[in-house]
Protein backbone atom coordinates (compact mmCIF):
# COMPACT_ATOMS: atom_id res chain seq x y z
CA MET A 1 0.00 0.00 0.00
CA THR A 2 1.34 3.42 -0.94
CA PRO A 3 1.33 6.53 1.29
CA ALA A 4 -1.36 7.95 -1.00
CA ASP A 5 -3.53 4.91 -0.21
CA ASP A 6 -3.10 5.51 3.54
CA GLU A 7 -4.13 9.16 3.21
CA ILE A 8 -7.19 8.38 1.11
CA ARG A 9 -8.33 5.71 3.58
CA GLN A 10 -8.47 8.35 6.35
CA LEU A 11 -11.66 9.68 4.77
CA GLU A 12 -14.67 7.39 4.85
CA ILE A 13 -17.12 7.48 1.97
CA LEU A 14 -20.10 9.63 2.88
CA PRO A 15 -23.60 8.14 3.26
CA GLU A 16 -25.75 8.23 0.14
CA ILE A 17 -28.03 10.91 1.61
CA ASP A 18 -25.08 13.26 2.17
CA LEU A 19 -23.82 12.70 -1.37
CA ALA A 20 -27.32 13.32 -2.72
CA LEU A 21 -27.52 16.52 -0.65
CA ILE A 22 -24.21 17.75 -2.06
CA ASP A 23 -25.35 16.91 -5.58
CA ALA A 24 -28.61 18.82 -5.04
CA LEU A 25 -26.65 21.86 -3.89
CA GLN A 26 -24.34 21.51 -6.88
CA VAL A 27 -27.42 21.77 -9.10
CA ASN A 28 -28.68 24.88 -7.29
CA PRO A 29 -26.67 26.18 -4.32
CA ARG A 30 -29.42 28.65 -3.39
CA ALA A 31 -32.35 26.25 -3.59
CA PRO A 32 -34.57 26.69 -0.49
CA TRP A 33 -34.10 24.00 2.13
CA THR A 34 -37.77 23.13 1.74
CA THR A 35 -37.21 22.42 -1.97
CA VAL A 36 -34.07 20.39 -1.31
CA ALA A 37 -35.90 18.42 1.37
CA THR A 38 -38.85 17.65 -0.90
CA VAL A 39 -36.57 16.47 -3.71
CA LEU A 40 -34.55 14.22 -1.37
CA ASP A 41 -37.56 13.06 0.66
CA ILE A 42 -36.24 14.33 3.99
CA ASP A 43 -37.28 17.28 6.14
CA ALA A 44 -35.78 20.76 5.76
CA ALA A 45 -34.22 20.79 9.22
CA THR A 46 -32.41 17.54 8.46
CA ALA A 47 -31.11 18.88 5.15
CA ALA A 48 -29.81 22.08 6.78
CA ARG A 49 -28.26 20.17 9.69
CA ARG A 50 -26.49 17.68 7.43
CA TRP A 51 -25.08 20.48 5.27
CA ARG A 52 -23.88 22.36 8.34
CA ARG A 53 -22.00 19.27 9.53
CA LEU A 54 -20.44 18.64 6.10
CA HIS A 55 -19.31 22.27 5.93
CA GLU A 56 -17.96 22.34 9.49
CA GLU A 57 -16.01 19.14 8.87
CA ARG A 58 -14.62 20.72 5.67
CA LEU A 59 -15.89 17.85 3.54
CA ALA A 60 -17.90 20.19 1.31
CA TRP A 61 -17.78 23.92 0.67
CA TRP A 62 -19.18 26.69 -1.50
CA VAL A 63 -17.44 28.13 -4.52
CA VAL A 64 -18.35 31.67 -5.60
CA ARG A 65 -16.61 32.96 -8.70
CA PRO A 66 -17.02 35.09 -11.81
CA SER A 67 -17.70 33.19 -15.00
CA ALA A 68 -14.76 32.08 -17.09
CA ALA A 69 -16.15 34.15 -19.96
CA ARG A 70 -16.09 37.28 -17.79
CA LEU A 71 -12.50 36.63 -16.77
CA THR A 72 -11.26 35.90 -20.28
CA PRO A 73 -10.72 39.52 -21.42
CA TYR A 74 -8.71 40.26 -18.27
CA LEU A 75 -6.85 37.05 -17.47
CA ASP A 76 -4.70 34.55 -19.27
CA ALA A 77 -3.83 31.12 -17.93
CA THR A 78 -1.06 28.59 -18.48
CA LEU A 79 -0.81 25.04 -17.19
CA VAL A 80 2.77 24.60 -16.00
CA LEU A 81 4.35 21.18 -15.48
CA LEU A 82 7.40 21.10 -13.22
CA ARG A 83 9.96 18.52 -12.22
CA CYS A 84 11.28 18.79 -8.63
CA PRO A 85 14.42 17.38 -7.03
CA PRO A 86 13.83 13.92 -5.48
CA GLY A 87 11.94 14.06 -2.19
CA THR A 88 10.90 17.71 -2.49
CA ALA A 89 7.68 17.59 -4.52
CA ALA A 90 5.21 17.64 -1.60
CA GLU A 91 6.87 20.62 0.05
CA ALA A 92 7.23 22.36 -3.32
CA ALA A 93 3.49 21.90 -3.96
CA GLU A 94 2.66 23.68 -0.70
CA ARG A 95 4.92 26.58 -1.69
CA ALA A 96 3.41 26.67 -5.17
CA ALA A 97 -0.09 27.01 -3.70
CA ALA A 98 0.73 30.14 -1.68
CA PRO A 99 0.37 32.88 -4.36
CA GLU A 100 -3.16 33.96 -5.23
CA TRP A 101 -2.32 33.69 -8.93
CA ALA A 102 -1.64 29.94 -8.54
CA HIS A 103 -5.21 28.90 -9.33
CA THR A 104 -4.82 25.12 -9.22
CA VAL A 105 -1.98 22.92 -7.93
CA ASP A 106 -1.80 19.14 -8.35
CA LEU A 107 0.85 16.78 -7.03
CA LEU A 108 1.61 14.42 -9.93
CA ALA A 109 3.39 11.21 -10.83
CA GLY A 110 4.88 10.63 -14.27
CA THR A 111 6.94 12.97 -16.43
CA ALA A 112 6.21 15.87 -14.04
CA ASP A 113 5.84 16.24 -10.27
CA LEU A 114 3.62 19.33 -10.17
CA GLY A 115 0.88 20.74 -12.35
CA VAL A 116 0.06 24.40 -11.67
CA VAL A 117 -2.45 26.67 -13.42
CA VAL A 118 -0.97 30.17 -13.35
CA LEU A 119 -3.18 33.23 -13.95
CA GLY A 120 -2.13 36.68 -15.07
CA SER A 121 -3.21 39.81 -16.91
CA GLY A 122 -1.65 38.95 -20.25
CA LEU A 123 0.76 36.24 -21.28
CA ALA A 124 3.81 38.34 -20.42
CA GLU A 125 2.71 38.54 -16.77
CA VAL A 126 1.89 34.83 -16.76
CA ASP A 127 5.36 34.08 -18.14
CA ALA A 128 7.02 36.14 -15.41
CA ARG A 129 4.96 34.35 -12.77
CA VAL A 130 5.94 30.96 -14.19
CA ASP A 131 9.59 31.92 -13.69
CA GLU A 132 8.76 33.06 -10.16
CA LEU A 133 6.95 29.77 -9.54
CA ALA A 134 9.97 27.72 -10.63
CA ALA A 135 12.23 29.72 -8.31
CA ARG A 136 9.74 29.42 -5.44
CA CYS A 137 9.47 25.64 -5.86
CA GLY A 138 13.10 24.98 -6.68
CA GLY A 139 11.87 23.02 -9.68
CA GLU A 140 12.44 22.90 -13.41
CA VAL A 141 9.69 23.82 -15.85
CA VAL A 142 9.28 20.92 -18.28
CA GLU A 143 6.24 22.18 -20.18
CA ARG A 144 3.97 25.21 -20.52
CA ARG A 145 0.50 24.79 -22.02
CA VAL A 146 -1.27 28.06 -22.68
CA VAL A 147 -5.01 27.80 -22.02
CA ALA A 148 -6.98 28.89 -25.09
CA ASP A 149 -10.52 28.18 -23.83
CA VAL A 150 -12.31 26.65 -20.84
CA TYR A 151 -15.13 24.12 -21.27
CA ALA A 152 -15.40 22.69 -17.74
CA GLU A 153 -14.11 23.95 -14.41
CA ASP A 154 -13.64 21.92 -11.23
CA ALA A 155 -16.31 23.75 -9.25
CA GLY A 156 -18.90 23.13 -11.97
CA TRP A 157 -18.48 19.35 -11.74
CA ARG A 158 -21.41 17.40 -10.29
CA LEU A 159 -21.76 14.04 -8.60
CA GLY A 160 -24.71 13.19 -10.85
CA ILE A 161 -26.80 11.42 -8.22
CA CYS A 162 -30.02 13.40 -8.68
CA SER A 163 -32.30 12.24 -11.49
CA PRO A 164 -33.26 14.58 -14.35
CA SER A 165 -36.66 15.20 -12.73
CA GLN A 166 -35.01 15.99 -9.38
CA ARG A 167 -32.60 18.39 -11.06
CA GLN A 168 -35.50 20.11 -12.80
CA ALA A 169 -37.34 20.50 -9.50
CA LEU A 170 -34.29 22.12 -7.90
CA LEU A 171 -33.86 24.79 -10.56
CA PRO A 172 -35.75 28.08 -10.43
CA ARG A 173 -38.81 28.05 -12.68
CA THR A 174 -38.58 30.70 -15.38
CA ASP A 175 -39.64 30.89 -19.00
CA GLN A 176 -37.75 34.10 -19.57
CA PRO A 177 -34.58 34.20 -21.70
CA ALA A 178 -31.29 34.81 -19.93
CA PRO A 179 -30.97 38.53 -19.15
CA ALA A 180 -28.00 40.77 -19.81
CA PRO A 181 -25.61 40.78 -16.85
CA PRO A 182 -25.82 43.66 -14.37
CA ARG A 183 -23.21 46.38 -14.43
CA ALA A 184 -19.67 45.18 -13.76
CA ASP A 185 -19.25 47.04 -10.46
CA LEU A 186 -22.39 45.40 -9.03
CA VAL A 187 -21.10 41.97 -10.07
CA ASP A 188 -17.84 42.71 -8.23
CA GLU A 189 -19.76 43.89 -5.15
CA LEU A 190 -21.94 40.78 -5.14
CA LEU A 191 -18.90 38.50 -5.50
CA ALA A 192 -17.18 40.22 -2.58
CA ALA A 193 -20.32 40.10 -0.44
CA LEU A 194 -21.03 36.44 -1.10
CA GLY A 195 -17.45 35.52 -0.28
CA ASP A 196 -17.54 31.77 0.23
CA ASP A 197 -21.21 31.55 1.29
CA ALA A 198 -23.41 30.94 -1.72
CA ARG A 199 -26.56 30.84 0.45
CA LEU A 200 -26.17 34.26 2.05
CA SER A 201 -29.63 35.69 2.74
CA GLY A 202 -31.01 38.59 0.73
CA HIS A 203 -31.07 40.76 3.87
CA GLU A 204 -27.41 40.08 4.71
CA LEU A 205 -26.42 40.53 1.08
CA ALA A 206 -28.17 43.90 0.92
CA THR A 207 -26.42 44.95 4.14
CA ARG A 208 -23.02 44.10 2.71
CA VAL A 209 -23.61 45.54 -0.76
CA GLY A 210 -25.69 48.54 0.25
CA GLY A 211 -29.09 49.28 -1.20
CA SER A 212 -32.56 47.87 -0.75
CA GLU A 213 -33.05 44.13 -0.41
CA PRO A 214 -35.39 43.88 -3.46
CA THR A 215 -32.87 45.74 -5.65
CA VAL A 216 -29.95 43.58 -4.53
CA ARG A 217 -32.01 40.40 -4.97
CA ARG A 218 -32.87 41.41 -8.53
CA GLY A 219 -29.21 42.17 -9.23
CA LEU A 220 -28.13 38.76 -7.92
CA ASP A 221 -30.85 37.06 -9.95
CA ARG A 222 -29.61 38.78 -13.12
CA ALA A 223 -25.99 37.94 -12.31
CA LEU A 224 -26.84 34.26 -11.81
CA ARG A 225 -29.22 33.86 -14.75
CA SER A 226 -26.83 35.66 -17.12
CA GLY A 227 -23.92 33.53 -15.90
CA ALA A 228 -21.88 36.54 -14.75
CA ILE A 229 -21.59 34.87 -11.34
CA GLN A 230 -21.16 31.12 -10.99
CA LEU A 231 -22.05 29.36 -7.75
CA GLY A 232 -20.81 25.86 -7.01
CA CYS A 233 -20.47 23.27 -4.30
CA ASP A 234 -17.20 21.36 -4.13
CA LEU A 235 -16.23 18.42 -1.95
CA ALA A 236 -13.36 16.23 -0.83
CA SER A 237 -13.32 13.73 -3.70
CA PRO A 238 -12.21 10.71 -1.63
CA ALA A 239 -15.33 11.18 0.53
CA ALA A 240 -17.32 10.40 -2.63
CA GLY A 241 -15.21 7.31 -3.40
CA LEU A 242 -13.26 9.19 -6.07
CA GLY A 243 -9.79 9.09 -4.57
CA ARG A 244 -7.91 8.71 -7.84
CA GLY A 245 -7.31 11.18 -10.63
CA ALA A 246 -5.50 11.56 -13.93
CA LEU A 247 -4.50 14.42 -16.19
CA LEU A 248 -4.82 13.60 -19.89
CA GLU A 249 -3.36 15.55 -22.80
CA VAL A 250 -5.47 14.70 -25.84
CA GLU A 251 -5.43 15.61 -29.51
CA VAL A 252 -8.79 15.69 -31.30
CA ASP A 253 -9.92 16.81 -34.73
CA ASP A 254 -12.27 19.55 -33.48
CA PRO A 255 -11.29 20.75 -29.98
CA VAL A 256 -14.22 23.15 -29.65
CA ARG A 257 -16.91 20.59 -30.42
CA ALA A 258 -15.14 17.80 -28.53
CA GLY A 259 -14.39 20.07 -25.57
CA ARG A 260 -18.04 21.00 -25.17
CA ALA A 261 -19.12 17.36 -25.41
CA LEU A 262 -16.44 16.10 -23.00
CA ALA A 263 -17.30 18.80 -20.46
CA ALA A 264 -20.60 16.99 -19.86
CA ALA A 265 -18.98 13.59 -19.26
CA GLY A 266 -19.30 12.37 -15.68
CA PRO A 267 -15.63 11.53 -15.00
CA VAL A 268 -14.40 14.89 -16.41
CA HIS A 269 -14.03 17.63 -13.81
CA ARG A 270 -11.76 19.88 -15.87
CA CYS A 271 -11.61 20.39 -19.63
CA VAL A 272 -9.61 23.15 -21.31
CA GLN A 273 -8.30 23.80 -24.78
CA THR A 274 -4.53 24.11 -24.60
CA VAL A 275 -1.69 24.88 -26.95
CA GLY A 276 0.74 21.97 -26.92
CA ALA A 277 1.30 18.49 -28.32
CA GLY A 278 -2.43 17.96 -27.77
CA ASN A 279 -5.21 20.50 -28.03
CA LEU A 280 -7.27 19.47 -24.98
CA THR A 281 -6.24 18.85 -21.39
CA LEU A 282 -8.68 16.86 -19.25
CA GLY A 283 -8.83 16.15 -15.55
CA VAL A 284 -10.72 12.96 -14.67
CA ARG A 285 -11.79 11.49 -11.33
CA LEU A 286 -11.92 7.73 -10.76
CA THR A 287 -12.48 5.17 -8.05
CA SER A 288 -9.49 3.19 -9.37
CA LEU A 289 -6.78 3.83 -11.94
CA ALA A 290 -7.63 0.38 -13.32
CA HIS A 291 -10.76 2.03 -14.76
CA LEU A 292 -8.80 4.55 -16.81
CA PRO A 293 -8.67 2.55 -20.09
CA ALA A 294 -12.45 2.05 -20.03
CA ILE A 295 -13.04 5.73 -19.25
CA GLU A 296 -10.74 6.79 -22.07
CA ALA A 297 -12.68 4.57 -24.47
CA GLU A 298 -15.92 6.18 -23.28
CA LEU A 299 -14.52 9.69 -23.71
CA ALA A 300 -13.20 8.95 -27.19
CA ALA A 301 -16.72 8.36 -28.54
CA PRO A 302 -17.77 12.04 -28.82
CA ALA A 303 -14.26 13.18 -29.80
CA PRO A 304 -13.32 12.15 -33.38
CA GLY A 305 -9.59 11.83 -33.89
CA TRP A 306 -9.02 11.09 -30.18
CA ARG A 307 -5.33 10.49 -29.51
CA VAL A 308 -3.86 10.59 -26.00
CA ARG A 309 -0.52 12.42 -26.10
CA GLY A 310 0.26 12.17 -22.39
CA ARG A 311 -0.99 10.81 -19.07
CA LEU A 312 -0.14 11.93 -15.56
CA THR A 313 -1.45 10.46 -12.31
CA VAL A 314 -2.80 13.00 -9.83
CA LEU A 315 -1.44 11.88 -6.46
CA ARG A 316 -3.51 14.54 -4.72
CA PRO A 317 -4.93 18.00 -5.37
CA VAL A 318 -3.19 20.66 -3.27
CA LYS A 319 -5.22 23.65 -4.47
CA ARG A 320 -8.39 23.68 -6.55
CA GLN A 321 -9.76 26.87 -8.13
CA GLY A 322 -8.16 29.04 -5.49
CA GLN A 323 -9.07 26.82 -2.52
CA VAL A 324 -6.18 25.19 -0.66
CA LEU A 325 -6.88 21.57 0.33
CA ASP A 326 -5.40 19.46 3.10
CA SER A 327 -3.60 16.14 2.65
CA VAL A 328 -6.86 14.16 2.40
CA GLY A 329 -8.66 16.56 0.07
CA ARG A 330 -10.72 18.61 2.54
CA ARG A 331 -10.85 22.39 2.51
CA ALA A 332 -7.81 23.57 4.45
CA LEU A 333 -8.38 25.17 7.85
CA ASP A 334 -6.93 28.49 6.73
CA GLY A 335 -8.67 28.31 3.32
């Protein structure tokens, strides 16, 4: 048994009702507890109590972020693969996770020891930060893959336990087309006010933003329905029985079409178009690495020309979309 196996075994798999609750909140983080309870066939107090325990134990947490599309004009991203001196990778990963611009950090096995997504305002700034990252980690950069487009982000991934009818019941009922997003400064104010609590009440939100509660509620509704603000619910993957991961570099004939199709695949929690030997980079979650060949065969179906150019095992995620994780995948205490 490897050290990674020992760490993963420290987290027990959550009961089915807790996983269903997390999945329901992934579908709609702001769904009323009464709605969540009806969908899951429990009472509202039980749903709220179970969520509170999951959050307090750092097994699940909210993600509040601007949409990738909103960030695109202002930020560039590069996936950096680094090789570290023997015995230093774990410590280097912790150092790599410290800067705010290190968006995602994975401890890897294979041709690289670390995978880091570096953000910056323009590729020149990203490049300078990559050099800073290498110096900070004491590692050697072995590859840089510039991110051209984002099709799936970690915090948008779902467990997929709820049925289609349950998912439909959780979503707000509206026949109106998606509105235009609110003004940019209001989006920024709402993001800051929500912080890491996607369920903040309208009253508390209005207090933090300033303005009347009905006005702030309407602004949040527009921000959510337009996609300007994305709300998510993330969890410690081993607690869902998904304690293994892999990073795949894939070449396909049409990366845009394939990327959009692969983003909806259950095992895929990250899918970006990259510039490199392949044109897509995928993150997949698994119960066992023995399942990887079957999952690759499944993913190849909607991706004509599928050719895997590289595979890396994810030993553990150290930081995911700005959230630092502990050694067993929970939200870190200081996160």
